Amino acid sequence: MKFEVKTEKDNYSNSFLGFLRIIFKLALIIIFCDIAVKFGNISRYYQIEYNCKLLSIEKSKPIFKEISRISNLKSKQSIWEFCREVVK
């Protein structure tokens, strides 16, 4: 007859590894979300800069609408002032 004694050491190490896996996955999710937000900000900046350069060349209504949508500016005067600052 064989007699075995189970210890709690295996249970603690497995639960600790599970906890570390969860923490690692959460850290990766947070890092990837932060990168996605930063890429969105960079993309928005370059889109505004591109549209402001287009506006200085071609003064059309769709470009005003696009800049207004991106920058939340409503009047043409404020869009002009904003684009002067961006293009400098």
N, C-alpha and C. Protein backbone atom coordinates (compact mmCIF):
# COMPACT_ATOMS: atom_id res chain seq x y z
N MET A 1 0.84 -1.16 0.00
CA MET A 1 0.00 0.00 0.00
C MET A 1 0.89 1.24 0.00
N LYS A 2 0.50 2.19 -0.83
CA LYS A 2 1.29 3.42 -0.97
C LYS A 2 0.55 4.56 -0.28
N PHE A 3 1.30 5.33 0.46
CA PHE A 3 0.71 6.43 1.21
C PHE A 3 1.31 7.74 0.71
N GLU A 4 0.45 8.65 0.26
CA GLU A 4 0.91 9.95 -0.26
C GLU A 4 0.31 11.07 0.57
N VAL A 5 1.12 12.09 0.73
CA VAL A 5 0.65 13.27 1.44
C VAL A 5 0.71 14.44 0.47
N LYS A 6 -0.43 15.07 0.26
CA LYS A 6 -0.47 16.23 -0.62
C LYS A 6 -0.15 17.47 0.20
N THR A 7 0.67 18.29 -0.39
CA THR A 7 1.02 19.54 0.31
C THR A 7 0.30 20.70 -0.36
N GLU A 8 0.22 21.78 0.34
CA GLU A 8 -0.43 22.98 -0.17
C GLU A 8 0.51 23.81 -1.04
N LYS A 9 1.76 23.41 -1.13
CA LYS A 9 2.74 24.18 -1.89
C LYS A 9 2.35 24.29 -3.36
N ASP A 10 1.88 23.21 -3.95
CA ASP A 10 1.48 23.23 -5.36
C ASP A 10 0.30 24.15 -5.59
N ASN A 11 -0.64 24.15 -4.69
CA ASN A 11 -1.80 25.01 -4.84
C ASN A 11 -1.41 26.49 -4.78
N TYR A 12 -0.51 26.85 -3.89
CA TYR A 12 -0.09 28.24 -3.78
C TYR A 12 0.69 28.69 -5.01
N SER A 13 1.56 27.83 -5.51
CA SER A 13 2.35 28.22 -6.68
C SER A 13 1.46 28.35 -7.92
N ASN A 14 0.48 27.46 -8.07
CA ASN A 14 -0.43 27.56 -9.22
C ASN A 14 -1.31 28.81 -9.14
N SER A 15 -1.79 29.12 -7.96
CA SER A 15 -2.62 30.31 -7.83
C SER A 15 -1.77 31.58 -8.02
N PHE A 16 -0.53 31.56 -7.56
CA PHE A 16 0.36 32.70 -7.74
C PHE A 16 0.68 32.90 -9.22
N LEU A 17 0.93 31.81 -9.96
CA LEU A 17 1.17 31.91 -11.40
C LEU A 17 -0.05 32.42 -12.13
N GLY A 18 -1.22 31.98 -11.74
CA GLY A 18 -2.45 32.47 -12.33
C GLY A 18 -2.64 33.96 -12.10
N PHE A 19 -2.33 34.40 -10.89
CA PHE A 19 -2.42 35.82 -10.55
C PHE A 19 -1.43 36.63 -11.39
N LEU A 20 -0.20 36.14 -11.54
CA LEU A 20 0.79 36.84 -12.35
C LEU A 20 0.37 36.91 -13.82
N ARG A 21 -0.24 35.86 -14.32
CA ARG A 21 -0.72 35.86 -15.71
C ARG A 21 -1.79 36.93 -15.91
N ILE A 22 -2.70 37.03 -14.98
CA ILE A 22 -3.77 38.03 -15.07
C ILE A 22 -3.18 39.44 -15.03
N ILE A 23 -2.25 39.68 -14.12
CA ILE A 23 -1.61 40.99 -14.02
C ILE A 23 -0.86 41.32 -15.31
N PHE A 24 -0.15 40.35 -15.88
CA PHE A 24 0.59 40.56 -17.12
C PHE A 24 -0.35 40.89 -18.27
N LYS A 25 -1.46 40.17 -18.38
CA LYS A 25 -2.44 40.44 -19.44
C LYS A 25 -3.05 41.83 -19.28
N LEU A 26 -3.38 42.22 -18.07
CA LEU A 26 -3.94 43.55 -17.84
C LEU A 26 -2.92 44.64 -18.19
N ALA A 27 -1.66 44.41 -17.86
CA ALA A 27 -0.63 45.39 -18.19
C ALA A 27 -0.49 45.53 -19.71
N LEU A 28 -0.53 44.42 -20.43
CA LEU A 28 -0.46 44.48 -21.90
C LEU A 28 -1.65 45.23 -22.49
N ILE A 29 -2.83 44.98 -21.96
CA ILE A 29 -4.03 45.67 -22.45
C ILE A 29 -3.91 47.18 -22.21
N ILE A 30 -3.44 47.57 -21.04
CA ILE A 30 -3.28 48.99 -20.73
C ILE A 30 -2.25 49.63 -21.64
N ILE A 31 -1.14 48.94 -21.88
CA ILE A 31 -0.08 49.48 -22.75
C ILE A 31 -0.60 49.65 -24.17
N PHE A 32 -1.30 48.63 -24.70
CA PHE A 32 -1.81 48.72 -26.07
C PHE A 32 -2.88 49.80 -26.20
N CYS A 33 -3.71 49.99 -25.20
CA CYS A 33 -4.71 51.06 -25.24
C CYS A 33 -4.04 52.43 -25.23
N ASP A 34 -3.00 52.57 -24.43
CA ASP A 34 -2.27 53.84 -24.39
C ASP A 34 -1.61 54.14 -25.74
N ILE A 35 -1.04 53.13 -26.36
CA ILE A 35 -0.43 53.31 -27.68
C ILE A 35 -1.48 53.69 -28.71
N ALA A 36 -2.65 53.06 -28.66
CA ALA A 36 -3.72 53.38 -29.61
C ALA A 36 -4.19 54.83 -29.46
N VAL A 37 -4.31 55.30 -28.23
CA VAL A 37 -4.72 56.68 -28.00
C VAL A 37 -3.67 57.65 -28.52
N LYS A 38 -2.39 57.34 -28.30
CA LYS A 38 -1.32 58.22 -28.78
C LYS A 38 -1.28 58.26 -30.30
N PHE A 39 -1.47 57.11 -30.94
CA PHE A 39 -1.52 57.10 -32.40
C PHE A 39 -2.70 57.91 -32.92
N GLY A 40 -3.82 57.87 -32.22
CA GLY A 40 -4.98 58.67 -32.60
C GLY A 40 -4.69 60.16 -32.51
N ASN A 41 -3.99 60.58 -31.45
CA ASN A 41 -3.64 61.99 -31.32
C ASN A 41 -2.67 62.43 -32.41
N ILE A 42 -1.68 61.59 -32.70
CA ILE A 42 -0.71 61.92 -33.75
C ILE A 42 -1.41 62.01 -35.09
N SER A 43 -2.29 61.07 -35.37
CA SER A 43 -3.02 61.07 -36.63
C SER A 43 -3.89 62.31 -36.76
N ARG A 44 -4.55 62.69 -35.69
CA ARG A 44 -5.41 63.88 -35.69
C ARG A 44 -4.57 65.13 -35.97
N TYR A 45 -3.41 65.24 -35.35
CA TYR A 45 -2.55 66.40 -35.56
C TYR A 45 -2.13 66.50 -37.03
N TYR A 46 -1.70 65.40 -37.62
CA TYR A 46 -1.26 65.44 -39.02
C TYR A 46 -2.43 65.69 -39.98
N GLN A 47 -3.60 65.21 -39.61
CA GLN A 47 -4.78 65.47 -40.43
C GLN A 47 -5.13 66.96 -40.39
N ILE A 48 -5.05 67.57 -39.22
CA ILE A 48 -5.31 69.02 -39.10
C ILE A 48 -4.26 69.80 -39.88
N GLU A 49 -2.99 69.43 -39.73
CA GLU A 49 -1.93 70.14 -40.44
C GLU A 49 -2.11 70.04 -41.95
N TYR A 50 -2.45 68.85 -42.44
CA TYR A 50 -2.66 68.65 -43.88
C TYR A 50 -3.83 69.49 -44.38
N ASN A 51 -4.93 69.48 -43.65
CA ASN A 51 -6.11 70.25 -44.07
C ASN A 51 -5.85 71.76 -44.00
N CYS A 52 -5.07 72.21 -43.04
CA CYS A 52 -4.74 73.63 -42.97
C CYS A 52 -3.86 74.05 -44.15
N LYS A 53 -2.95 73.18 -44.54
CA LYS A 53 -2.13 73.49 -45.71
C LYS A 53 -3.00 73.52 -46.97
N LEU A 54 -3.95 72.60 -47.07
CA LEU A 54 -4.88 72.62 -48.20
C LEU A 54 -5.72 73.89 -48.19
N LEU A 55 -6.12 74.32 -47.01
CA LEU A 55 -6.94 75.52 -46.90
C LEU A 55 -6.18 76.76 -47.35
N SER A 56 -4.88 76.78 -47.09
CA SER A 56 -4.10 77.94 -47.54
C SER A 56 -3.97 77.98 -49.06
N ILE A 57 -4.10 76.82 -49.70
CA ILE A 57 -4.02 76.76 -51.17
C ILE A 57 -5.40 76.89 -51.80
N GLU A 58 -6.31 76.10 -51.31
CA GLU A 58 -7.66 76.06 -51.90
C GLU A 58 -8.69 76.34 -50.80
N LYS A 59 -9.40 77.42 -50.91
CA LYS A 59 -10.35 77.82 -49.88
C LYS A 59 -11.74 77.29 -50.24
N SER A 60 -11.97 76.03 -49.93
CA SER A 60 -13.26 75.43 -50.28
C SER A 60 -14.05 75.08 -49.01
N LYS A 61 -15.34 74.97 -49.18
CA LYS A 61 -16.24 74.69 -48.06
C LYS A 61 -16.01 73.31 -47.44
N PRO A 62 -15.75 72.25 -48.23
CA PRO A 62 -15.50 70.94 -47.60
C PRO A 62 -14.27 70.93 -46.68
N ILE A 63 -13.25 71.70 -47.02
CA ILE A 63 -12.07 71.75 -46.15
C ILE A 63 -12.41 72.46 -44.85
N PHE A 64 -13.19 73.55 -44.93
CA PHE A 64 -13.63 74.23 -43.71
C PHE A 64 -14.44 73.28 -42.83
N LYS A 65 -15.32 72.51 -43.44
CA LYS A 65 -16.14 71.56 -42.68
C LYS A 65 -15.28 70.49 -42.02
N GLU A 66 -14.28 70.00 -42.75
CA GLU A 66 -13.41 68.96 -42.21
C GLU A 66 -12.60 69.48 -41.02
N ILE A 67 -12.04 70.67 -41.16
CA ILE A 67 -11.27 71.25 -40.05
C ILE A 67 -12.20 71.55 -38.87
N SER A 68 -13.39 72.01 -39.16
CA SER A 68 -14.36 72.29 -38.11
C SER A 68 -14.73 71.01 -37.35
N ARG A 69 -14.89 69.94 -38.09
CA ARG A 69 -15.23 68.65 -37.46
C ARG A 69 -14.10 68.14 -36.58
N ILE A 70 -12.87 68.27 -37.06
CA ILE A 70 -11.72 67.74 -36.31
C ILE A 70 -11.39 68.60 -35.10
N SER A 71 -11.41 69.92 -35.27
CA SER A 71 -10.93 70.82 -34.22
C SER A 71 -12.04 71.40 -33.34
N ASN A 72 -13.29 71.14 -33.65
CA ASN A 72 -14.44 71.67 -32.89
C ASN A 72 -14.52 73.20 -32.93
N LEU A 73 -14.02 73.80 -33.98
CA LEU A 73 -14.16 75.24 -34.18
C LEU A 73 -15.32 75.48 -35.14
N LYS A 74 -16.11 76.51 -34.87
CA LYS A 74 -17.31 76.72 -35.67
C LYS A 74 -17.19 77.85 -36.69
N SER A 75 -16.58 78.95 -36.32
CA SER A 75 -16.55 80.09 -37.24
C SER A 75 -15.34 80.01 -38.17
N LYS A 76 -15.50 80.59 -39.34
CA LYS A 76 -14.42 80.60 -40.32
C LYS A 76 -13.24 81.41 -39.82
N GLN A 77 -13.52 82.49 -39.12
CA GLN A 77 -12.44 83.33 -38.59
C GLN A 77 -11.57 82.56 -37.60
N SER A 78 -12.20 81.82 -36.71
CA SER A 78 -11.42 81.06 -35.74
C SER A 78 -10.65 79.93 -36.42
N ILE A 79 -11.21 79.35 -37.49
CA ILE A 79 -10.50 78.32 -38.24
C ILE A 79 -9.28 78.93 -38.93
N TRP A 80 -9.43 80.13 -39.50
CA TRP A 80 -8.30 80.80 -40.14
C TRP A 80 -7.18 81.07 -39.14
N GLU A 81 -7.54 81.59 -37.96
CA GLU A 81 -6.54 81.88 -36.95
C GLU A 81 -5.86 80.60 -36.47
N PHE A 82 -6.64 79.57 -36.29
CA PHE A 82 -6.10 78.29 -35.86
C PHE A 82 -5.13 77.74 -36.90
N CYS A 83 -5.49 77.82 -38.16
CA CYS A 83 -4.63 77.30 -39.23
C CYS A 83 -3.35 78.13 -39.39
N ARG A 84 -3.44 79.41 -39.15
CA ARG A 84 -2.22 80.23 -39.21
C ARG A 84 -1.21 79.78 -38.17
N GLU A 85 -1.71 79.43 -36.99
CA GLU A 85 -0.83 78.94 -35.92
C GLU A 85 -0.24 77.57 -36.24
N VAL A 86 -1.05 76.72 -36.85
CA VAL A 86 -0.60 75.35 -37.16
C VAL A 86 0.42 75.35 -38.28
N VAL A 87 0.19 76.14 -39.31
CA VAL A 87 1.05 76.13 -40.49
C VAL A 87 2.40 76.80 -40.24
N LYS A 88 2.48 77.69 -39.25
CA LYS A 88 3.74 78.42 -38.98
C LYS A 88 4.93 77.54 -38.86
